[in-house]
Amino acid sequence: MTGPLSGRHVVLGISGSIAAYKAAEVASRLVQAEATVDVAMTRSATEFIAPLTFRALTGREPYTDIFRDGAEGEAHVELARRADLMVIAPASATTIARLAHGLAEDFVSLTALAVAAPVLVAPAMDSQMWAHAATQANVALLRQRGVQFLGPAEGRLASGRIGAGRLLEPEAIVALVRARLGREHGDLAGRTVVVTAGGTREAIDPVRYVSNRSSGKQGYALAEAARDRGADVILITTASLPPPGGVRVIAVESAAEMLEEVRHAVVAADVLVMAAAVADYRPADAATIKIKRADMGGSLTIPLVENPDISKEVTGNFVKVVFAAETNDLIDNAMRKIVAKGAQLIVANDVSATDAGFAVDDNRVSILDAEGGQDDLPLMSKYDVSARILDRVVSLLRR
């Protein structure tokens, strides 16, 4: 399957910063995502990292000299015309100032002045420079013009200080590039998608809980795939996986907490995807202090009560997709659930399989609809499974 960056033309601008080495990974990740990447560098950027690095990573000659580069008559203009998006990472304080005031003194600012596509800027500088009134005024001016800023992050800086000014990690930058291109071109642009992920945890005492084997990977893949297609994504999760860039993440633990957050989130939602494995039961009374083995006399009985069925209880004017994790009679059990839960689609997967389902990166599922249709998917990555599910969701939304 082709990804959201396949066939897209991204201009990667690099300015002089010690963080320029991270731009190599940004370029590599963009190329791996099947984007065509042209690199534009300021002269000072070439002092930190050689243009040869980007020629090797992208297979294309970097643009570094406004007086010599390019066989095209106006190389920066042609580069800008081809661009679906320009991302400047890292962006120094000097480059941000040039962009704000329309100065075209190097290939990065020259191209940015000519580009009509979205421009994303990832700052990298010392915290004092970032906080300076001049820099903040330049940032505010660029934001008013529609430039999107990625970060900066807080952390250890090249000076040894701790503060704001650190370049976002390459994975986060590329995730936000994917999100922005999705909003520009995706078939879920303007839609809000709520996704749940992970296995809920029902407290026995302050240190123990009842849960299940769900890792949350399928839910996270769904959130990323929806983001890449332009949706505003709300991920309600119990999992401790790295948060996907460009996604609003709400952390919960129990079924009750998840139900409350889902009810709030779906008020303005177009789609609800219940990928979480919600515990059917919870301890009737969680202990407020740790239960001691010595106090139990060799045995422990925990009365359980039924949890709310979130996917059944939450209703509204949105497309509802639910999951059925089964170990036997997969299709029959799933079809009973789609009726009971009032869903348009149910995704059934056999979690007894060793190569799919819980805690692995691949899945093998069947997508069933309320009319009795069935689409059996072969083993594929959870991101590709998500793409196939969202294809069906888009079709339902278009109705």
Protein backbone atom coordinates (compact mmCIF):
# COMPACT_ATOMS: atom_id res chain seq x y z
CA MET A 1 0.00 0.00 0.00
CA THR A 2 1.17 3.53 -0.73
CA GLY A 3 1.66 5.86 2.21
CA PRO A 4 0.49 9.45 2.73
CA LEU A 5 3.84 10.86 1.57
CA SER A 6 4.08 8.71 -1.55
CA GLY A 7 4.54 10.98 -4.55
CA ARG A 8 4.64 14.15 -2.44
CA HIS A 9 7.43 16.66 -3.00
CA VAL A 10 8.95 17.98 0.23
CA VAL A 11 11.58 20.71 0.39
CA LEU A 12 13.76 20.32 3.47
CA GLY A 13 15.48 23.56 4.47
CA ILE A 14 18.49 23.36 6.77
CA SER A 15 20.07 26.35 8.52
CA GLY A 16 23.23 26.70 10.56
CA SER A 17 22.79 24.94 13.90
CA ILE A 18 24.51 22.18 15.82
CA ALA A 19 21.18 20.35 15.46
CA ALA A 20 21.71 20.16 11.67
CA TYR A 21 22.89 16.56 12.07
CA LYS A 22 19.31 15.59 12.94
CA ALA A 23 18.18 16.83 9.52
CA ALA A 24 19.88 13.76 8.01
CA GLU A 25 17.43 11.50 9.82
CA VAL A 26 14.51 13.75 8.84
CA ALA A 27 15.56 13.41 5.20
CA SER A 28 16.00 9.65 5.54
CA ARG A 29 12.57 9.16 7.14
CA LEU A 30 10.88 11.27 4.46
CA VAL A 31 12.55 9.25 1.71
CA GLN A 32 11.58 5.97 3.40
CA ALA A 33 8.00 7.26 3.43
CA GLU A 34 8.29 7.56 -0.39
CA ALA A 35 8.44 11.35 -0.56
CA THR A 36 10.60 13.13 -3.12
CA VAL A 37 12.95 15.26 -1.03
CA ASP A 38 14.91 18.28 -2.21
CA VAL A 39 17.32 19.79 0.31
CA ALA A 40 18.13 23.50 0.50
CA MET A 41 20.95 24.58 2.81
CA THR A 42 22.30 27.89 4.06
CA ARG A 43 26.04 28.37 3.71
CA SER A 44 26.44 28.08 7.50
CA ALA A 45 24.51 24.79 7.48
CA THR A 46 27.19 23.28 5.24
CA GLU A 47 29.72 24.01 7.99
CA PHE A 48 27.82 21.68 10.33
CA ILE A 49 26.95 18.87 7.89
CA ALA A 50 28.17 18.16 4.38
CA PRO A 51 25.79 18.40 1.39
CA LEU A 52 27.16 15.02 0.29
CA THR A 53 25.21 13.45 3.18
CA PHE A 54 21.91 14.61 1.74
CA ARG A 55 22.88 13.71 -1.82
CA ALA A 56 23.42 10.14 -0.59
CA LEU A 57 20.19 10.05 1.43
CA THR A 58 17.85 11.62 -1.12
CA GLY A 59 19.51 10.73 -4.42
CA ARG A 60 19.22 14.39 -5.40
CA GLU A 61 21.71 17.23 -5.45
CA PRO A 62 21.24 19.65 -2.52
CA TYR A 63 20.80 23.36 -3.23
CA THR A 64 23.43 25.41 -1.41
CA ASP A 65 24.58 28.33 -3.59
CA ILE A 66 22.06 30.82 -4.97
CA PHE A 67 24.54 31.91 -7.64
CA ARG A 68 25.61 28.49 -8.91
CA ASP A 69 23.11 25.77 -8.08
CA GLY A 70 20.69 24.23 -10.51
CA ALA A 71 20.51 23.84 -14.27
CA GLU A 72 17.12 25.55 -14.18
CA GLY A 73 17.06 29.26 -14.91
CA GLU A 74 15.49 30.19 -11.56
CA ALA A 75 16.24 27.13 -9.45
CA HIS A 76 14.61 28.42 -6.26
CA VAL A 77 11.41 29.33 -8.12
CA GLU A 78 11.15 25.91 -9.78
CA LEU A 79 11.91 24.23 -6.47
CA ALA A 80 9.15 26.24 -4.79
CA ARG A 81 6.65 25.45 -7.55
CA ARG A 82 7.20 21.71 -7.22
CA ALA A 83 6.83 21.69 -3.43
CA ASP A 84 3.79 20.20 -1.71
CA LEU A 85 5.32 21.37 1.58
CA MET A 86 8.48 23.02 2.88
CA VAL A 87 9.87 22.16 6.29
CA ILE A 88 12.86 24.03 7.74
CA ALA A 89 14.61 21.88 10.35
CA PRO A 90 16.60 23.16 12.07
CA ALA A 91 15.63 26.82 11.80
CA SER A 92 18.07 29.18 13.50
CA ALA A 93 17.10 32.56 14.95
CA THR A 94 18.73 34.20 11.92
CA THR A 95 16.69 32.14 9.46
CA ILE A 96 13.47 32.87 11.34
CA ALA A 97 14.31 36.60 11.20
CA ARG A 98 14.94 36.38 7.45
CA LEU A 99 11.63 34.61 6.88
CA ALA A 100 9.73 37.15 8.97
CA HIS A 101 11.16 40.14 7.12
CA GLY A 102 11.23 38.71 3.60
CA LEU A 103 15.02 38.67 3.29
CA ALA A 104 16.24 36.28 0.61
CA GLU A 105 19.96 35.96 1.29
CA ASP A 106 20.41 32.19 0.99
CA PHE A 107 18.75 29.25 -0.70
CA VAL A 108 16.49 28.47 2.26
CA SER A 109 15.00 31.94 2.68
CA LEU A 110 14.94 32.45 -1.10
CA THR A 111 12.88 29.29 -1.63
CA ALA A 112 10.61 30.05 1.33
CA LEU A 113 9.83 33.45 -0.16
CA ALA A 114 8.76 31.84 -3.44
CA VAL A 115 6.87 28.81 -2.10
CA ALA A 116 3.06 28.81 -2.08
CA ALA A 117 2.75 25.46 -0.26
CA PRO A 118 2.57 25.18 3.54
CA VAL A 119 5.75 26.12 5.40
CA LEU A 120 6.66 24.35 8.65
CA VAL A 121 9.47 25.70 10.85
CA ALA A 122 11.29 23.67 13.52
CA PRO A 123 13.39 26.08 15.63
CA ALA A 124 16.70 25.17 17.23
CA MET A 125 18.64 27.66 19.36
CA ASP A 126 19.63 28.47 22.93
CA SER A 127 16.73 29.15 25.28
CA GLN A 128 17.80 32.78 25.77
CA MET A 129 17.72 33.37 22.01
CA TRP A 130 14.33 31.68 21.70
CA ALA A 131 12.90 33.80 24.54
CA HIS A 132 14.30 37.08 23.19
CA ALA A 133 11.63 39.64 22.29
CA ALA A 134 12.93 39.95 18.71
CA THR A 135 12.67 36.20 18.10
CA GLN A 136 9.21 36.00 19.64
CA ALA A 137 8.03 38.97 17.56
CA ASN A 138 9.31 37.24 14.41
CA VAL A 139 7.59 33.99 15.38
CA ALA A 140 4.30 35.81 16.03
CA LEU A 141 4.52 37.55 12.65
CA LEU A 142 5.14 34.29 10.82
CA ARG A 143 2.30 32.56 12.63
CA GLN A 144 -0.03 35.35 11.53
CA ARG A 145 0.99 34.56 7.96
CA GLY A 146 0.14 30.88 8.38
CA VAL A 147 3.57 29.42 9.08
CA GLN A 148 3.32 26.40 11.38
CA PHE A 149 5.94 26.04 14.12
CA LEU A 150 7.06 22.59 15.23
CA GLY A 151 8.33 23.00 18.77
CA PRO A 152 10.83 23.82 20.01
CA ALA A 153 11.12 21.14 22.68
CA GLU A 154 12.50 21.61 26.17
CA GLY A 155 15.61 19.75 27.23
CA ARG A 156 19.38 19.85 27.30
CA LEU A 157 20.80 22.38 24.84
CA ALA A 158 24.20 22.57 23.18
CA SER A 159 25.24 25.17 25.78
CA GLY A 160 24.62 22.62 28.52
CA ARG A 161 21.63 24.55 29.82
CA ILE A 162 18.16 23.10 30.19
CA GLY A 163 15.32 24.98 28.55
CA ALA A 164 13.18 25.59 25.48
CA GLY A 165 14.98 25.72 22.15
CA ARG A 166 15.80 22.10 21.40
CA LEU A 167 14.94 20.78 17.94
CA LEU A 168 12.10 18.27 17.94
CA GLU A 169 13.18 14.70 17.33
CA PRO A 170 13.14 13.68 13.64
CA GLU A 171 10.33 11.17 14.19
CA ALA A 172 8.11 13.92 15.62
CA ILE A 173 8.97 16.32 12.78
CA VAL A 174 8.07 13.76 10.13
CA ALA A 175 4.84 12.88 11.96
CA LEU A 176 3.81 16.55 11.88
CA VAL A 177 4.72 16.77 8.20
CA ARG A 178 2.45 13.80 7.56
CA ALA A 179 -0.32 15.42 9.59
CA ARG A 180 -0.08 18.72 7.70
CA LEU A 181 -0.08 17.06 4.28
CA GLY A 182 -3.07 15.03 5.42
CA ARG A 183 -4.94 18.21 6.32
CA GLU A 184 -4.10 19.63 2.90
CA HIS A 185 -4.94 16.57 0.78
CA GLY A 186 -6.47 13.80 2.94
CA ASP A 187 -9.96 12.35 2.62
CA LEU A 188 -10.57 12.80 6.37
CA ALA A 189 -9.57 16.48 6.41
CA GLY A 190 -11.97 18.46 8.59
CA ARG A 191 -13.22 15.32 10.35
CA THR A 192 -12.75 14.42 14.01
CA VAL A 193 -11.87 10.82 14.77
CA VAL A 194 -11.87 9.39 18.31
CA VAL A 195 -9.81 6.23 18.86
CA THR A 196 -9.50 4.14 22.01
CA ALA A 197 -6.50 1.92 22.65
CA GLY A 198 -5.00 -0.49 25.17
CA GLY A 199 -6.40 -2.75 27.84
CA THR A 200 -8.15 -1.06 30.74
CA ARG A 201 -6.79 -1.59 34.25
CA GLU A 202 -9.23 -2.22 37.07
CA ALA A 203 -7.68 -1.68 40.50
CA ILE A 204 -7.53 -4.44 43.08
CA ASP A 205 -5.45 -2.30 45.44
CA PRO A 206 -2.96 0.56 44.91
CA VAL A 207 -0.38 -1.75 43.27
CA ARG A 208 -2.40 -4.51 41.57
CA TYR A 209 -5.04 -4.52 38.87
CA VAL A 210 -7.13 -6.74 36.59
CA SER A 211 -6.35 -6.25 32.90
CA ASN A 212 -5.73 -8.09 29.61
CA ARG A 213 -2.97 -8.57 27.04
CA SER A 214 -3.82 -5.69 24.72
CA SER A 215 -0.73 -3.58 23.94
CA GLY A 216 -2.56 -0.68 22.28
CA LYS A 217 -0.53 -1.00 19.06
CA GLN A 218 -3.55 -1.36 16.78
CA GLY A 219 -5.24 1.67 18.32
CA TYR A 220 -2.09 3.77 17.92
CA ALA A 221 -1.75 2.66 14.31
CA LEU A 222 -5.35 3.73 13.72
CA ALA A 223 -4.69 7.13 15.27
CA GLU A 224 -1.63 7.63 13.06
CA ALA A 225 -3.44 6.51 9.91
CA ALA A 226 -6.39 8.83 10.61
CA ARG A 227 -3.99 11.71 11.28
CA ASP A 228 -2.19 11.03 8.01
CA ARG A 229 -5.51 11.31 6.18
CA GLY A 230 -6.15 14.74 7.65
CA ALA A 231 -8.37 14.02 10.65
CA ASP A 232 -8.19 15.75 14.00
CA VAL A 233 -7.53 12.70 16.14
CA ILE A 234 -8.27 12.17 19.82
CA LEU A 235 -6.58 9.05 21.20
CA ILE A 236 -7.97 7.83 24.52
CA THR A 237 -5.53 5.26 25.78
CA THR A 238 -4.31 3.15 28.67
CA ALA A 239 -1.08 2.21 26.85
CA SER A 240 2.33 3.71 27.61
CA LEU A 241 3.53 3.72 23.99
CA PRO A 242 5.24 6.87 22.61
CA PRO A 243 2.48 9.38 21.76
CA PRO A 244 1.94 9.84 18.01
CA GLY A 245 2.88 13.31 16.76
CA GLY A 246 -0.01 15.52 15.77
CA VAL A 247 -2.51 13.54 17.85
CA ARG A 248 -4.27 14.65 21.04
CA VAL A 249 -3.63 11.94 23.63
CA ILE A 250 -5.80 11.45 26.72
CA ALA A 251 -4.44 8.96 29.25
CA VAL A 252 -6.89 6.85 31.26
CA GLU A 253 -6.72 3.63 33.24
CA SER A 254 -10.11 2.15 34.04
CA ALA A 255 -13.21 1.46 31.96
CA ALA A 256 -15.10 4.12 33.93
CA GLU A 257 -12.46 6.74 33.11
CA MET A 258 -12.46 5.72 29.46
CA LEU A 259 -16.25 5.92 29.27
CA GLU A 260 -16.24 9.45 30.68
CA GLU A 261 -13.58 10.66 28.22
CA VAL A 262 -15.24 8.98 25.24
CA ARG A 263 -18.57 10.61 26.07
CA HIS A 264 -16.91 14.04 26.10
CA ALA A 265 -14.91 13.40 22.94
CA VAL A 266 -17.71 12.11 20.70
CA VAL A 267 -19.85 15.22 21.12
CA ALA A 268 -18.14 16.73 18.08
CA ALA A 269 -16.85 13.52 16.50
CA ASP A 270 -17.48 12.10 13.05
CA VAL A 271 -15.99 8.70 13.82
CA LEU A 272 -15.49 6.55 16.93
CA VAL A 273 -13.15 3.57 16.69
CA MET A 274 -13.24 1.39 19.80
CA ALA A 275 -9.94 -0.47 19.44
CA ALA A 276 -9.40 -0.69 23.21
CA ALA A 277 -9.82 -4.00 25.01
CA VAL A 278 -12.13 -2.89 27.80
CA ALA A 279 -12.26 -5.22 30.81
CA ASP A 280 -15.69 -6.80 31.14
CA TYR A 281 -15.44 -6.89 34.95
CA ARG A 282 -13.75 -4.96 37.75
CA PRO A 283 -13.21 -5.65 41.45
CA ALA A 284 -16.33 -4.67 43.38
CA ASP A 285 -14.33 -2.81 46.04
CA ALA A 286 -10.71 -1.84 45.45
CA ALA A 287 -8.61 -1.85 48.62
CA THR A 288 -7.17 1.51 49.62
CA ILE A 289 -3.94 -0.06 50.93
CA LYS A 290 -1.84 -2.91 49.58
CA ILE A 291 -3.29 -6.32 50.37
CA LYS A 292 -0.77 -8.39 52.36
CA ARG A 293 -0.33 -12.09 51.73
CA ALA A 294 0.02 -12.71 55.47
CA ASP A 295 -3.47 -11.30 56.07
CA MET A 296 -5.20 -13.58 53.53
CA GLY A 297 -4.70 -16.93 55.22
CA GLY A 298 -3.42 -18.61 52.05
CA SER A 299 -6.28 -17.64 49.71
CA LEU A 300 -7.81 -14.51 48.22
CA THR A 301 -11.26 -14.07 46.76
CA ILE A 302 -12.00 -10.92 44.74
CA PRO A 303 -15.68 -10.28 43.99
CA LEU A 304 -16.15 -8.79 40.52
CA VAL A 305 -18.90 -6.61 39.09
CA GLU A 306 -19.70 -5.89 35.47
CA ASN A 307 -18.12 -2.89 33.76
CA PRO A 308 -20.10 -0.60 31.47
CA ASP A 309 -20.04 -1.62 27.79
CA ILE A 310 -18.59 1.58 26.35
CA SER A 311 -19.08 0.75 22.69
CA LYS A 312 -22.73 -0.10 23.37
CA GLU A 313 -23.53 2.80 25.69
CA VAL A 314 -21.98 5.59 23.64
CA THR A 315 -24.26 6.57 20.78
CA GLY A 316 -24.54 9.58 18.51
CA ASN A 317 -24.40 10.90 14.98
CA PHE A 318 -21.08 9.34 14.03
CA VAL A 319 -19.69 6.25 12.35
CA LYS A 320 -18.99 3.64 15.02
CA VAL A 321 -16.34 0.96 14.53
CA VAL A 322 -15.81 -1.69 17.21
CA PHE A 323 -13.34 -4.53 17.63
CA ALA A 324 -13.94 -8.16 18.54
CA ALA A 325 -10.94 -9.99 19.97
CA GLU A 326 -11.86 -13.68 19.94
CA THR A 327 -10.21 -17.08 20.37
CA ASN A 328 -12.98 -19.18 18.79
CA ASP A 329 -16.01 -18.86 16.51
CA LEU A 330 -14.58 -15.56 15.29
CA ILE A 331 -17.14 -14.51 12.72
CA ASP A 332 -20.23 -15.72 14.60
CA ASN A 333 -19.18 -13.95 17.79
CA ALA A 334 -18.34 -10.78 15.89
CA MET A 335 -21.66 -10.66 14.06
CA ARG A 336 -23.55 -10.92 17.34
CA LYS A 337 -21.54 -7.99 18.70
CA ILE A 338 -22.10 -5.68 15.75
CA VAL A 339 -25.86 -5.92 16.27
CA ALA A 340 -25.68 -5.56 20.06
CA LYS A 341 -23.37 -2.55 19.93
CA GLY A 342 -25.13 -0.65 17.16
CA ALA A 343 -21.96 -0.34 15.09
CA GLN A 344 -21.58 0.12 11.36
CA LEU A 345 -18.38 -1.94 11.25
CA ILE A 346 -16.74 -4.54 13.45
CA VAL A 347 -13.14 -5.67 13.13
CA ALA A 348 -12.70 -9.27 14.18
CA ASN A 349 -9.30 -10.70 14.99
CA ASP A 350 -8.21 -14.05 16.37
CA VAL A 351 -5.99 -13.16 19.31
CA SER A 352 -4.91 -16.78 19.81
CA ALA A 353 -2.71 -16.48 16.70
CA THR A 354 1.02 -16.19 17.44
CA ASP A 355 1.85 -13.93 14.46
CA ALA A 356 -1.01 -11.44 14.81
CA GLY A 357 -3.20 -9.71 17.39
CA PHE A 358 -1.94 -8.67 20.80
CA ALA A 359 1.53 -7.15 21.34
CA VAL A 360 2.88 -7.64 17.79
CA ASP A 361 3.21 -5.23 14.87
CA ASP A 362 1.06 -7.20 12.41
CA ASN A 363 -2.57 -8.23 12.34
CA ARG A 364 -4.92 -10.45 10.39
CA VAL A 365 -8.53 -9.35 10.62
CA SER A 366 -11.96 -9.60 9.07
CA ILE A 367 -13.98 -6.40 8.60
CA LEU A 368 -17.71 -7.03 8.90
CA ASP A 369 -20.50 -4.57 8.24
CA ALA A 370 -24.04 -4.32 9.54
CA GLU A 371 -25.42 -5.59 6.22
CA GLY A 372 -23.54 -8.86 6.50
CA GLY A 373 -20.59 -8.01 4.27
CA GLN A 374 -17.24 -9.54 5.12
CA ASP A 375 -13.73 -8.52 4.03
CA ASP A 376 -11.03 -10.96 5.13
CA LEU A 377 -7.60 -9.31 5.18
CA PRO A 378 -4.32 -11.22 4.99
CA LEU A 379 -1.52 -10.71 7.50
CA MET A 380 -0.27 -7.11 7.20
CA SER A 381 1.10 -4.32 9.33
CA LYS A 382 -1.29 -2.75 11.80
CA TYR A 383 -0.90 0.57 9.96
CA ASP A 384 -2.04 -1.08 6.71
CA VAL A 385 -4.92 -2.75 8.56
CA SER A 386 -5.87 0.71 9.82
CA ALA A 387 -5.77 2.10 6.30
CA ARG A 388 -8.19 -0.59 5.10
CA ILE A 389 -10.54 0.09 8.01
CA LEU A 390 -10.47 3.82 7.30
CA ASP A 391 -11.20 3.17 3.62
CA ARG A 392 -14.50 1.67 4.77
CA VAL A 393 -15.09 4.55 7.20
CA VAL A 394 -14.58 7.14 4.44
CA SER A 395 -17.05 5.29 2.27
CA LEU A 396 -19.64 5.39 5.06
CA LEU A 397 -19.05 9.08 5.69
CA ARG A 398 -19.61 9.86 2.02
CA ARG A 399 -23.06 8.32 2.20
